[in-house]
Protein backbone atom coordinates (compact mmCIF):
# COMPACT_ATOMS: atom_id res chain seq x y z
CA MET A 1 7.92 80.86 74.05
CA PRO A 2 9.65 77.47 73.53
CA LEU A 3 6.32 75.89 72.61
CA VAL A 4 5.54 78.69 70.13
CA TRP A 5 9.01 78.33 68.60
CA ALA A 6 8.55 74.55 68.30
CA VAL A 7 5.20 74.92 66.53
CA LEU A 8 6.49 77.57 64.13
CA THR A 9 9.64 75.59 63.35
CA SER A 10 7.60 72.47 62.65
CA LEU A 11 5.71 74.40 59.97
CA LYS A 12 8.87 75.43 58.11
CA PRO A 13 10.52 73.63 55.19
CA GLU A 14 13.70 71.93 56.41
CA ALA A 15 16.00 74.33 54.54
CA GLU A 16 14.33 77.31 56.18
CA THR A 17 15.00 76.05 59.75
CA THR A 18 18.73 76.79 59.42
CA ALA A 19 18.50 79.88 57.22
CA VAL A 20 20.38 82.99 58.34
CA PRO A 21 19.00 85.22 59.68
CA LEU A 22 16.50 83.08 61.55
CA ARG A 23 12.85 83.99 61.14
CA TRP A 24 10.05 83.48 63.61
CA LEU A 25 7.33 83.01 61.03
CA PRO A 26 7.71 80.49 58.18
CA LEU A 27 7.81 82.06 54.73
CA GLU A 28 6.04 79.06 53.22
CA PRO A 29 4.12 77.18 55.94
CA THR A 30 3.92 73.46 55.30
CA PHE A 31 2.87 70.30 57.12
CA ALA A 32 5.56 68.24 55.37
CA ALA A 33 7.40 67.64 58.65
CA TYR A 34 4.26 66.28 60.32
CA GLN A 35 3.56 64.09 57.30
CA ALA A 36 7.10 62.72 57.37
CA VAL A 37 6.92 61.96 61.09
CA ILE A 38 3.56 60.21 60.80
CA GLU A 39 4.56 58.21 57.72
CA ARG A 40 7.72 57.03 59.44
CA GLY A 41 5.45 55.15 61.82
CA ASP A 42 7.70 55.21 64.89
CA LEU A 43 5.87 58.00 66.68
CA GLN A 44 2.62 56.05 66.96
CA ARG A 45 4.46 53.23 68.71
CA TRP A 46 6.28 55.66 71.00
CA LEU A 47 2.99 57.31 71.93
CA LEU A 48 1.43 53.95 72.76
CA ASN A 49 4.41 52.98 74.91
CA SER A 50 4.33 56.32 76.73
CA VAL A 51 0.62 55.94 77.43
CA VAL A 52 1.04 52.38 78.77
CA VAL A 53 4.02 53.27 80.96
CA SER A 54 2.52 56.53 82.24
CA VAL A 55 -0.81 54.88 83.11
CA LEU A 56 0.97 52.04 84.93
CA VAL A 57 3.17 54.45 86.88
CA THR A 58 0.23 56.69 87.77
CA ALA A 59 -2.03 53.85 88.92
CA LEU A 60 0.67 52.14 90.98
CA THR A 61 1.88 55.41 92.47
CA LEU A 62 -1.61 56.37 93.59
CA VAL A 63 -2.18 52.98 95.24
CA VAL A 64 1.21 52.85 96.98
CA CYS A 65 1.27 56.51 98.02
CA VAL A 66 -2.30 56.51 99.34
CA LEU A 67 -1.59 53.43 101.47
CA ALA A 68 1.71 54.87 102.74
CA ALA A 69 0.26 58.31 103.45
CA TYR A 70 -2.70 56.78 105.32
CA ALA A 71 -0.39 54.62 107.41
CA PHE A 72 1.79 57.60 108.35
CA SER A 73 -1.21 59.86 109.00
CA LYS A 74 -3.92 57.72 110.60
CA THR A 75 -2.20 54.79 112.31
CA GLU A 76 0.02 54.59 115.37
CA PHE A 77 3.16 52.46 115.44
CA PRO A 78 6.60 52.76 117.08
CA GLY A 79 9.04 55.04 115.24
CA ARG A 80 6.39 56.45 112.91
CA ALA A 81 7.83 59.99 112.89
CA TRP A 82 11.38 58.76 112.30
CA LEU A 83 10.32 56.39 109.57
CA PHE A 84 8.34 59.12 107.82
CA ALA A 85 11.33 61.49 108.03
CA LEU A 86 13.57 58.79 106.58
CA PHE A 87 11.07 58.10 103.81
CA VAL A 88 10.69 61.76 102.85
CA ALA A 89 14.49 62.14 102.91
CA GLY A 90 14.43 60.11 99.70
CA ILE A 91 13.63 63.40 97.99
CA LEU A 92 17.28 64.35 98.52
CA VAL A 93 18.62 61.30 96.65
CA PRO A 94 19.31 62.14 92.99
CA PRO A 95 17.69 59.64 90.60
CA GLN A 96 21.00 59.22 88.76
CA ALA A 97 22.52 57.62 91.87
CA LEU A 98 19.96 54.81 91.71
CA ILE A 99 20.31 53.89 88.05
CA VAL A 100 22.88 51.09 88.46
CA PRO A 101 21.26 49.30 91.45
CA LEU A 102 17.81 49.62 89.86
CA PHE A 103 19.06 48.18 86.59
CA ASP A 104 20.70 45.28 88.46
CA GLN A 105 17.43 44.54 90.25
CA MET A 106 15.39 44.65 87.05
CA SER A 107 17.94 42.35 85.37
CA VAL A 108 17.70 39.81 88.19
CA LEU A 109 13.91 39.91 87.99
CA GLY A 110 13.99 39.55 84.20
CA MET A 111 12.14 42.83 83.68
CA VAL A 112 14.58 44.63 81.41
CA ASP A 113 12.92 45.50 78.10
CA THR A 114 9.41 45.15 79.53
CA TYR A 115 6.72 47.65 80.41
CA TRP A 116 6.91 46.60 84.05
CA GLY A 117 10.66 47.13 84.10
CA VAL A 118 10.20 50.68 82.82
CA ALA A 119 7.27 51.50 85.11
CA LEU A 120 8.06 49.95 88.52
CA PRO A 121 11.23 51.95 89.37
CA GLN A 122 9.29 55.17 88.77
CA VAL A 123 6.61 54.34 91.34
CA VAL A 124 8.52 55.49 94.43
CA ALA A 125 7.43 59.10 95.06
CA PRO A 126 8.23 60.55 98.51
CA VAL A 127 6.92 63.96 97.46
CA MET A 128 3.50 62.53 96.65
CA VAL A 129 3.35 60.69 99.99
CA PHE A 130 4.23 63.94 101.75
CA ILE A 131 1.46 65.85 99.93
CA LEU A 132 -1.15 63.16 100.61
CA LYS A 133 -0.18 62.79 104.27
CA ARG A 134 -0.48 66.54 104.74
CA PHE A 135 -4.01 66.40 103.32
CA PHE A 136 -5.00 63.29 105.31
CA ASP A 137 -3.79 64.91 108.53
CA ALA A 138 -6.39 67.66 108.08
CA ILE A 139 -9.36 65.27 107.74
CA PRO A 140 -11.27 65.38 111.04
CA ARG A 141 -11.11 62.16 113.02
CA ASP A 142 -14.84 62.40 113.68
CA TYR A 143 -15.50 60.84 110.27
CA GLU A 144 -13.18 57.93 111.01
CA GLU A 145 -14.61 57.36 114.46
CA ALA A 146 -18.15 57.31 113.03
CA ALA A 147 -17.06 54.66 110.51
CA ARG A 148 -15.36 52.62 113.23
CA LEU A 149 -18.56 52.62 115.28
CA ASP A 150 -20.11 50.81 112.32
CA GLY A 151 -17.35 48.20 112.52
CA ALA A 152 -15.11 49.56 109.75
CA GLY A 153 -11.44 48.60 109.74
CA HIS A 154 -8.53 50.60 108.36
CA LEU A 155 -9.07 49.59 104.73
CA ARG A 156 -12.78 50.35 104.82
CA VAL A 157 -12.14 53.72 106.48
CA LEU A 158 -9.56 54.50 103.82
CA TRP A 159 -11.80 53.46 100.92
CA SER A 160 -15.15 54.74 102.24
CA VAL A 161 -14.10 57.90 104.09
CA VAL A 162 -10.62 59.17 103.28
CA VAL A 163 -10.45 58.53 99.54
CA PRO A 164 -13.85 60.11 98.69
CA MET A 165 -12.87 63.23 100.64
CA SER A 166 -9.52 63.44 98.85
CA GLY A 167 -10.68 63.51 95.24
CA PRO A 168 -9.09 66.82 94.18
CA VAL A 169 -5.70 66.15 95.75
CA LEU A 170 -5.67 62.61 94.31
CA ALA A 171 -6.40 64.08 90.88
CA ALA A 172 -3.54 66.56 91.27
CA VAL A 173 -1.11 63.84 92.38
CA GLY A 174 -2.24 61.62 89.51
CA ILE A 175 -1.74 64.33 86.89
CA PHE A 176 1.68 65.33 88.24
CA THR A 177 2.75 61.69 88.27
CA PHE A 178 1.46 61.11 84.72
CA VAL A 179 3.32 64.14 83.38
CA GLN A 180 6.52 63.17 85.18
CA ALA A 181 6.38 59.62 83.86
CA TRP A 182 5.60 60.83 80.33
CA ASN A 183 8.59 63.20 80.29
CA ASN A 184 11.05 60.83 81.96
CA PHE A 185 13.99 60.14 79.68
CA LEU A 186 16.83 58.69 81.74
CA TRP A 187 15.33 55.49 83.17
CA PRO A 188 13.35 54.43 80.05
CA PHE A 189 16.52 55.02 78.03
CA VAL A 190 18.54 52.74 80.34
CA ALA A 191 15.85 50.08 80.74
CA THR A 192 14.94 49.59 77.07
CA ALA A 193 17.18 48.35 74.30
CA ASP A 194 14.27 47.15 72.18
CA PRO A 195 13.15 49.94 69.79
CA ALA A 196 9.59 48.61 70.03
CA LEU A 197 9.46 49.68 73.71
CA MET A 198 10.83 53.21 73.33
CA THR A 199 8.80 56.04 74.82
CA VAL A 200 8.43 59.44 73.16
CA PRO A 201 11.43 61.15 74.85
CA VAL A 202 13.71 58.16 74.21
CA GLY A 203 12.54 57.79 70.63
CA LEU A 204 13.13 61.45 69.83
CA GLY A 205 16.62 61.34 71.32
CA THR A 206 17.48 58.16 69.41
CA VAL A 207 16.30 59.52 66.07
CA GLN A 208 18.24 62.72 66.58
CA GLY A 209 21.41 60.80 67.36
CA SER A 210 21.04 58.24 64.56
CA TYR A 211 19.97 60.29 61.59
CA GLY A 212 21.29 63.75 62.31
CA ILE A 213 19.12 66.68 63.19
CA GLN A 214 16.10 67.37 61.04
CA TYR A 215 14.83 70.38 62.93
CA ALA A 216 11.38 70.61 61.40
CA GLN A 217 10.70 66.91 61.91
CA GLU A 218 12.12 67.01 65.45
CA MET A 219 9.83 69.89 66.34
CA ALA A 220 6.84 68.23 64.66
CA ALA A 221 7.44 65.02 66.63
CA ALA A 222 7.88 66.99 69.85
CA VAL A 223 4.60 68.86 69.27
CA LEU A 224 2.72 65.64 68.50
CA GLY A 225 4.27 63.97 71.53
CA ALA A 226 3.18 66.84 73.78
CA LEU A 227 -0.42 66.89 72.58
CA PRO A 228 -1.60 64.14 74.98
CA LEU A 229 -0.16 66.08 77.94
CA VAL A 230 -1.90 69.25 76.80
CA ALA A 231 -5.18 67.36 76.44
CA VAL A 232 -4.84 65.77 79.90
CA PHE A 233 -4.05 69.10 81.52
CA LEU A 234 -6.96 70.88 79.82
CA LEU A 235 -9.37 68.12 80.84
CA PHE A 236 -8.27 68.03 84.47
CA GLN A 237 -7.07 71.61 84.99
CA ARG A 238 -9.85 72.45 87.44
CA HIS A 239 -9.12 69.38 89.55
CA VAL A 240 -5.37 70.07 89.57
CA VAL A 241 -5.80 73.67 90.70
CA ARG A 242 -8.30 72.68 93.38
CA GLY A 243 -6.12 69.80 94.57
CA VAL A 244 -3.02 71.97 94.88
CA THR A 245 -5.01 74.68 96.65
CA ASP A 246 -6.58 72.23 99.10
CA ALA A 247 -3.27 70.57 99.86
CA GLY A 248 -1.65 73.94 100.46
CA LEU A 249 -4.43 75.32 102.64
CA LYS A 250 -4.71 72.20 104.73
């Protein structure tokens, strides 16, 4: 229903969005709001920034989480269970509690107002490590032992055996991470003062606060900003469903 309301509101003339009584369907449908948003030029830049940041976060999260999950699942070292419990306990820490220390670290590293500064703090994902470890635990050790008989080490076993068998769950984790990074507002808002680096959520919030609320244009920008997510989900829907099912069953 919210998505339907957003689309219908974006097709209304601005005066009609606040008319009383409110109407679901526009009396005179128009694409003026979309035209205004596109001509303003900011949205294209926000979309590019969101794509860059979301791709960086997704790629780094997959690499880090796969390595961490493999280490917790397939290797033996002292205190493994306790360390994994401590790592997963990060789920309980609210992101808002980490804003100040993360910003201090990014400032020291000179990464404020950079793509890396926006992306790196979003890479830590205990939930994704938990999901991947659960899946890796269910992979029979016979495959690993066969690879080790051929002289494979941990990295080769991971790349040649575990990763190919984990395609669906990796796709699901990648899509969830991409969507989460795309929709993240708080950290990109804190980490970027340069308007040229604003992502879609930050840009929409800034425009709303600076110029007052233009409901039709806000809804048009929100719809345009959501289109890439809809496209990604439609393209990878089968993989996401299969990945979630496999992770749950295993």
